[in-house]
Amino acid sequence: MSKASDERRQLGGRVDPPAPPGAPTPEPETPPYHKEDERQPGLLAVVRETVVLVALAVLLAVVFKTFLVAAFYIPSGSMESTLNISDRVLVEKVSYRFGEVEHGDVVVFVHEEAGIEPIGPSNPISGFFSSLGQAVGVVPPSDRDFIKRVVGLPGDTIACRGGQLVRNDQPVDEPYLDQGTETDCDKKTTVGPGELFVMGDNRSNSQDSRFFGPIPRDDVVGRAFVRIWPLNHIGWLRRDR
């Protein structure tokens, strides 16, 4: 017998008999469960997590608005009845980075009226929330933001004849206009390099290139491709309608 076993007997300790070969090893006992052992998150942790989530949501909205897709609130009746006041559309900003604007595209662009100072928010905080609201389409855009349809590309000659749009001396079929709509313009215009000629679908109630001339291509924010509100008016915005 080993010396260690003799010492344990002398100290009065109990010696467990050796386990038989092949016997399962006993598992350690699980300590009893006490509900008070669970650590609940404190108020500070909840507030911190909420602030982080809100900040991430705002960051994603800004990234989407800047580089990918933004919602746009229709502020006027210049595109009726394709788009009505208070409709919301999504504007994508990717395709024009790799492709060209085409006839019939509905585009959002920024236009500065000569001699008119744009009206901005009264303070940075209201400006931030206004921009955020515009990004998700719940706040009307600024007076500098317009949505119109492209009817002329660089090199095109735009005119009107008999209440119809004429491009390069050829009448243009415009199925997206309401029946009976007439297009009038005072003069013939040749669209220059890097420019676009735009009109609203509501030709009798649209401030467009017939008044302020062709717009710079660089002022285009993106292409409106789908109407998302109201729900009973959801649909794609196509070039031919």
Protein backbone atom coordinates (compact mmCIF):
# COMPACT_ATOMS: atom_id res chain seq x y z
CA MET A 1 0.00 0.00 0.00
CA SER A 2 1.26 3.47 -0.84
CA LYS A 3 2.54 5.90 1.69
CA ALA A 4 -0.16 8.44 0.68
CA SER A 5 -2.90 5.92 1.54
CA ASP A 6 -1.37 5.28 4.99
CA GLU A 7 -1.27 8.98 5.68
CA ARG A 8 -4.94 9.42 4.72
CA ARG A 9 -5.96 6.61 7.06
CA GLN A 10 -3.96 8.14 9.87
CA LEU A 11 -5.77 11.49 9.37
CA GLY A 12 -9.17 9.80 9.44
CA GLY A 13 -9.96 10.60 5.83
CA ARG A 14 -12.23 8.41 3.71
CA VAL A 15 -10.68 6.75 0.75
CA ASP A 16 -12.98 6.05 -2.16
CA PRO A 17 -12.49 2.69 -3.73
CA PRO A 18 -11.10 2.77 -7.24
CA ALA A 19 -13.74 2.85 -9.99
CA PRO A 20 -14.09 -0.39 -11.90
CA PRO A 21 -12.74 -0.40 -15.43
CA GLY A 22 -15.20 1.07 -17.97
CA ALA A 23 -17.40 2.82 -15.41
CA PRO A 24 -18.68 6.32 -16.44
CA THR A 25 -16.99 9.31 -14.89
CA PRO A 26 -19.41 11.11 -12.53
CA GLU A 27 -20.35 14.65 -13.62
CA PRO A 28 -19.87 17.57 -11.23
CA GLU A 29 -22.97 18.74 -9.43
CA THR A 30 -24.75 21.80 -10.88
CA PRO A 31 -25.10 24.60 -8.35
CA PRO A 32 -28.70 25.48 -7.45
CA TYR A 33 -30.41 28.19 -9.60
CA HIS A 34 -31.30 31.47 -7.96
CA LYS A 35 -33.22 34.11 -9.98
CA GLU A 36 -31.45 36.85 -8.11
CA ASP A 37 -28.20 35.66 -9.69
CA GLU A 38 -29.41 37.06 -13.08
CA ARG A 39 -27.98 40.51 -13.75
CA GLN A 40 -30.50 42.92 -15.23
CA PRO A 41 -29.21 45.72 -17.50
CA GLY A 42 -29.22 49.08 -15.80
CA LEU A 43 -30.99 52.19 -17.03
CA LEU A 44 -27.73 53.66 -18.27
CA ALA A 45 -27.03 50.60 -20.41
CA VAL A 46 -30.52 50.74 -21.96
CA VAL A 47 -30.15 54.44 -22.75
CA ARG A 48 -26.72 53.85 -24.25
CA GLU A 49 -27.97 51.03 -26.49
CA THR A 50 -30.93 53.14 -27.62
CA VAL A 51 -28.68 56.07 -28.52
CA VAL A 52 -26.38 53.76 -30.49
CA LEU A 53 -29.29 52.24 -32.44
CA VAL A 54 -30.75 55.66 -33.26
CA ALA A 55 -27.33 56.91 -34.38
CA LEU A 56 -26.88 53.88 -36.64
CA ALA A 57 -30.34 54.39 -38.14
CA VAL A 58 -29.58 58.05 -38.88
CA LEU A 59 -26.20 57.12 -40.36
CA LEU A 60 -27.77 54.53 -42.65
CA ALA A 61 -30.41 57.03 -43.77
CA VAL A 62 -27.74 59.61 -44.59
CA VAL A 63 -25.62 57.05 -46.48
CA PHE A 64 -28.61 55.83 -48.47
CA LYS A 65 -29.72 59.37 -49.28
CA THR A 66 -26.24 60.44 -50.34
CA PHE A 67 -25.14 57.47 -52.42
CA LEU A 68 -27.96 55.03 -53.15
CA VAL A 69 -31.69 55.74 -52.80
CA ALA A 70 -33.72 58.56 -51.30
CA ALA A 71 -37.45 59.11 -50.93
CA PHE A 72 -38.88 62.25 -52.51
CA TYR A 73 -42.09 64.05 -51.56
CA ILE A 74 -44.01 65.49 -54.54
CA PRO A 75 -44.57 69.14 -53.59
CA SER A 76 -46.65 70.43 -56.52
CA GLY A 77 -49.02 69.43 -59.30
CA SER A 78 -46.54 69.94 -62.14
CA MET A 79 -46.32 66.19 -62.84
CA GLU A 80 -50.05 65.40 -62.60
CA SER A 81 -51.51 63.00 -63.17
CA THR A 82 -48.41 60.82 -63.32
CA LEU A 83 -47.51 62.08 -59.85
CA ASN A 84 -49.89 63.93 -57.58
CA ILE A 85 -49.25 66.30 -54.69
CA SER A 86 -48.05 64.39 -51.58
CA ASP A 87 -47.13 61.27 -53.54
CA ARG A 88 -43.79 59.71 -52.56
CA VAL A 89 -41.30 58.26 -55.01
CA LEU A 90 -37.93 56.58 -54.65
CA VAL A 91 -35.00 58.22 -56.42
CA GLU A 92 -32.00 56.05 -57.25
CA LYS A 93 -28.57 57.61 -57.69
CA VAL A 94 -26.57 54.71 -59.10
CA SER A 95 -27.56 54.22 -62.75
CA TYR A 96 -26.43 57.67 -63.87
CA ARG A 97 -22.97 57.00 -62.43
CA PHE A 98 -22.53 54.27 -65.03
CA GLY A 99 -25.09 55.13 -67.70
CA GLU A 100 -26.70 58.05 -69.45
CA VAL A 101 -29.95 59.92 -69.04
CA GLU A 102 -32.57 58.87 -71.60
CA HIS A 103 -35.64 60.47 -73.13
CA GLY A 104 -38.64 60.01 -70.85
CA ASP A 105 -36.69 59.63 -67.61
CA VAL A 106 -38.33 61.28 -64.59
CA VAL A 107 -35.49 63.03 -62.75
CA VAL A 108 -35.02 65.00 -59.56
CA PHE A 109 -32.65 67.94 -59.88
CA VAL A 110 -31.53 71.04 -58.03
CA HIS A 111 -32.24 74.37 -59.69
CA GLU A 112 -31.16 77.76 -58.45
CA GLU A 113 -33.36 80.65 -59.52
CA ALA A 114 -31.19 83.59 -60.56
CA GLY A 115 -31.41 86.46 -58.09
CA ILE A 116 -33.41 84.46 -55.53
CA GLU A 117 -31.70 83.50 -52.29
CA PRO A 118 -32.78 80.00 -51.16
CA ILE A 119 -34.58 79.92 -47.83
CA GLY A 120 -32.85 77.60 -45.38
CA PRO A 121 -33.63 76.32 -41.88
CA SER A 122 -33.32 78.82 -39.05
CA ASN A 123 -30.72 76.77 -37.13
CA PRO A 124 -28.49 73.69 -37.61
CA ILE A 125 -30.68 71.41 -35.50
CA SER A 126 -33.84 72.12 -37.49
CA GLY A 127 -31.77 71.83 -40.65
CA PHE A 128 -30.59 68.36 -39.62
CA PHE A 129 -34.09 67.08 -38.90
CA SER A 130 -35.41 68.71 -42.07
CA SER A 131 -32.76 66.92 -44.14
CA LEU A 132 -33.51 63.65 -42.38
CA GLY A 133 -37.23 64.06 -43.03
CA GLN A 134 -36.56 64.80 -46.69
CA ALA A 135 -34.38 61.68 -46.91
CA VAL A 136 -37.28 59.44 -45.90
CA GLY A 137 -39.90 61.40 -47.82
CA VAL A 138 -42.00 62.71 -44.93
CA VAL A 139 -41.02 66.37 -45.34
CA PRO A 140 -41.52 68.41 -48.53
CA PRO A 141 -38.28 69.17 -50.40
CA SER A 142 -36.69 72.58 -50.48
CA ASP A 143 -37.64 75.20 -53.05
CA ARG A 144 -34.50 74.24 -54.97
CA ASP A 145 -35.58 70.63 -55.63
CA PHE A 146 -37.61 69.84 -58.75
CA ILE A 147 -38.97 66.70 -60.40
CA LYS A 148 -39.62 66.73 -64.15
CA ARG A 149 -39.44 64.51 -67.23
CA VAL A 150 -36.51 64.63 -69.64
CA VAL A 151 -37.71 65.46 -73.16
CA GLY A 152 -34.46 66.71 -74.68
CA LEU A 153 -30.85 65.45 -74.63
CA PRO A 154 -27.69 67.21 -75.82
CA GLY A 155 -27.98 68.04 -79.51
CA ASP A 156 -31.80 67.80 -79.62
CA THR A 157 -33.87 70.67 -80.97
CA ILE A 158 -37.06 71.16 -78.97
CA ALA A 159 -40.12 73.00 -80.29
CA CYS A 160 -43.92 72.89 -80.13
CA ARG A 161 -46.36 72.58 -82.98
CA GLY A 162 -50.15 72.38 -82.80
CA GLY A 163 -50.07 71.73 -79.06
CA GLN A 164 -47.61 68.85 -79.42
CA LEU A 165 -43.96 68.43 -78.46
CA VAL A 166 -41.65 68.33 -81.47
CA ARG A 167 -38.11 66.97 -81.18
CA ASN A 168 -35.71 67.29 -84.07
CA ASP A 169 -38.65 68.23 -86.32
CA GLN A 170 -40.52 65.02 -85.42
CA PRO A 171 -43.69 64.92 -83.27
CA VAL A 172 -43.09 63.04 -80.03
CA ASP A 173 -45.54 60.42 -78.83
CA GLU A 174 -46.11 61.01 -75.12
CA PRO A 175 -48.45 58.33 -73.71
CA TYR A 176 -47.74 59.46 -70.14
CA LEU A 177 -49.69 62.71 -70.67
CA ASP A 178 -53.37 62.99 -69.80
CA GLN A 179 -55.64 62.86 -72.81
CA GLY A 180 -56.16 66.31 -74.28
CA THR A 181 -52.97 67.79 -72.82
CA GLU A 182 -51.40 70.41 -75.05
CA THR A 183 -47.75 71.42 -75.04
CA ASP A 184 -46.97 75.03 -75.82
CA CYS A 185 -43.60 76.75 -75.96
CA ASP A 186 -42.56 80.17 -77.19
CA LYS A 187 -39.42 79.30 -79.11
CA LYS A 188 -37.28 76.56 -80.55
CA THR A 189 -34.38 75.51 -78.33
CA THR A 190 -31.28 73.50 -79.12
CA VAL A 191 -29.99 71.58 -76.09
CA GLY A 192 -26.29 72.21 -75.56
CA PRO A 193 -23.55 69.78 -74.44
CA GLY A 194 -23.97 68.69 -70.83
CA GLU A 195 -27.57 69.97 -70.71
CA LEU A 196 -31.07 68.50 -70.48
CA PHE A 197 -34.44 69.88 -71.48
CA VAL A 198 -37.12 68.98 -68.92
CA MET A 199 -40.89 69.43 -68.74
CA GLY A 200 -43.61 68.56 -66.25
CA ASP A 201 -46.33 66.18 -67.43
CA ASN A 202 -48.91 68.81 -66.43
CA ARG A 203 -47.83 71.06 -69.27
CA SER A 204 -50.23 73.91 -68.46
CA ASN A 205 -49.04 74.12 -64.84
CA SER A 206 -45.32 73.45 -64.81
CA GLN A 207 -42.36 75.73 -64.32
CA ASP A 208 -39.74 73.97 -66.42
CA SER A 209 -37.17 74.39 -69.21
CA ARG A 210 -39.66 76.33 -71.30
CA PHE A 211 -39.23 79.11 -68.72
CA PHE A 212 -35.75 78.75 -67.22
CA GLY A 213 -34.03 76.96 -70.10
CA PRO A 214 -32.14 73.66 -70.23
CA ILE A 215 -30.63 72.48 -66.95
CA PRO A 216 -27.03 71.33 -66.41
CA ARG A 217 -26.69 67.56 -66.40
CA ASP A 218 -24.62 67.85 -63.23
CA ASP A 219 -27.64 69.26 -61.34
CA VAL A 220 -29.48 65.95 -61.62
CA VAL A 221 -29.73 64.16 -58.28
CA GLY A 222 -31.11 60.88 -59.61
CA ARG A 223 -33.89 59.06 -61.43
CA ALA A 224 -37.33 58.55 -59.89
CA PHE A 225 -38.16 54.92 -60.65
CA VAL A 226 -41.09 53.89 -58.44
CA ARG A 227 -44.03 55.47 -56.65
CA ILE A 228 -44.37 54.10 -53.11
CA TRP A 229 -47.21 56.23 -51.71
CA PRO A 230 -50.17 56.21 -51.58
CA LEU A 231 -50.54 52.44 -51.38
CA ASN A 232 -53.34 52.36 -53.96
CA HIS A 233 -51.10 54.26 -56.41
CA ILE A 234 -47.91 52.18 -56.13
CA GLY A 235 -46.21 51.55 -59.46
CA TRP A 236 -43.08 51.83 -61.58
CA LEU A 237 -42.30 55.07 -63.38
CA ARG A 238 -41.54 54.08 -66.94
CA ARG A 239 -40.17 56.15 -69.76
CA ASP A 240 -43.13 55.39 -72.00
CA ARG A 241 -45.87 56.11 -69.46
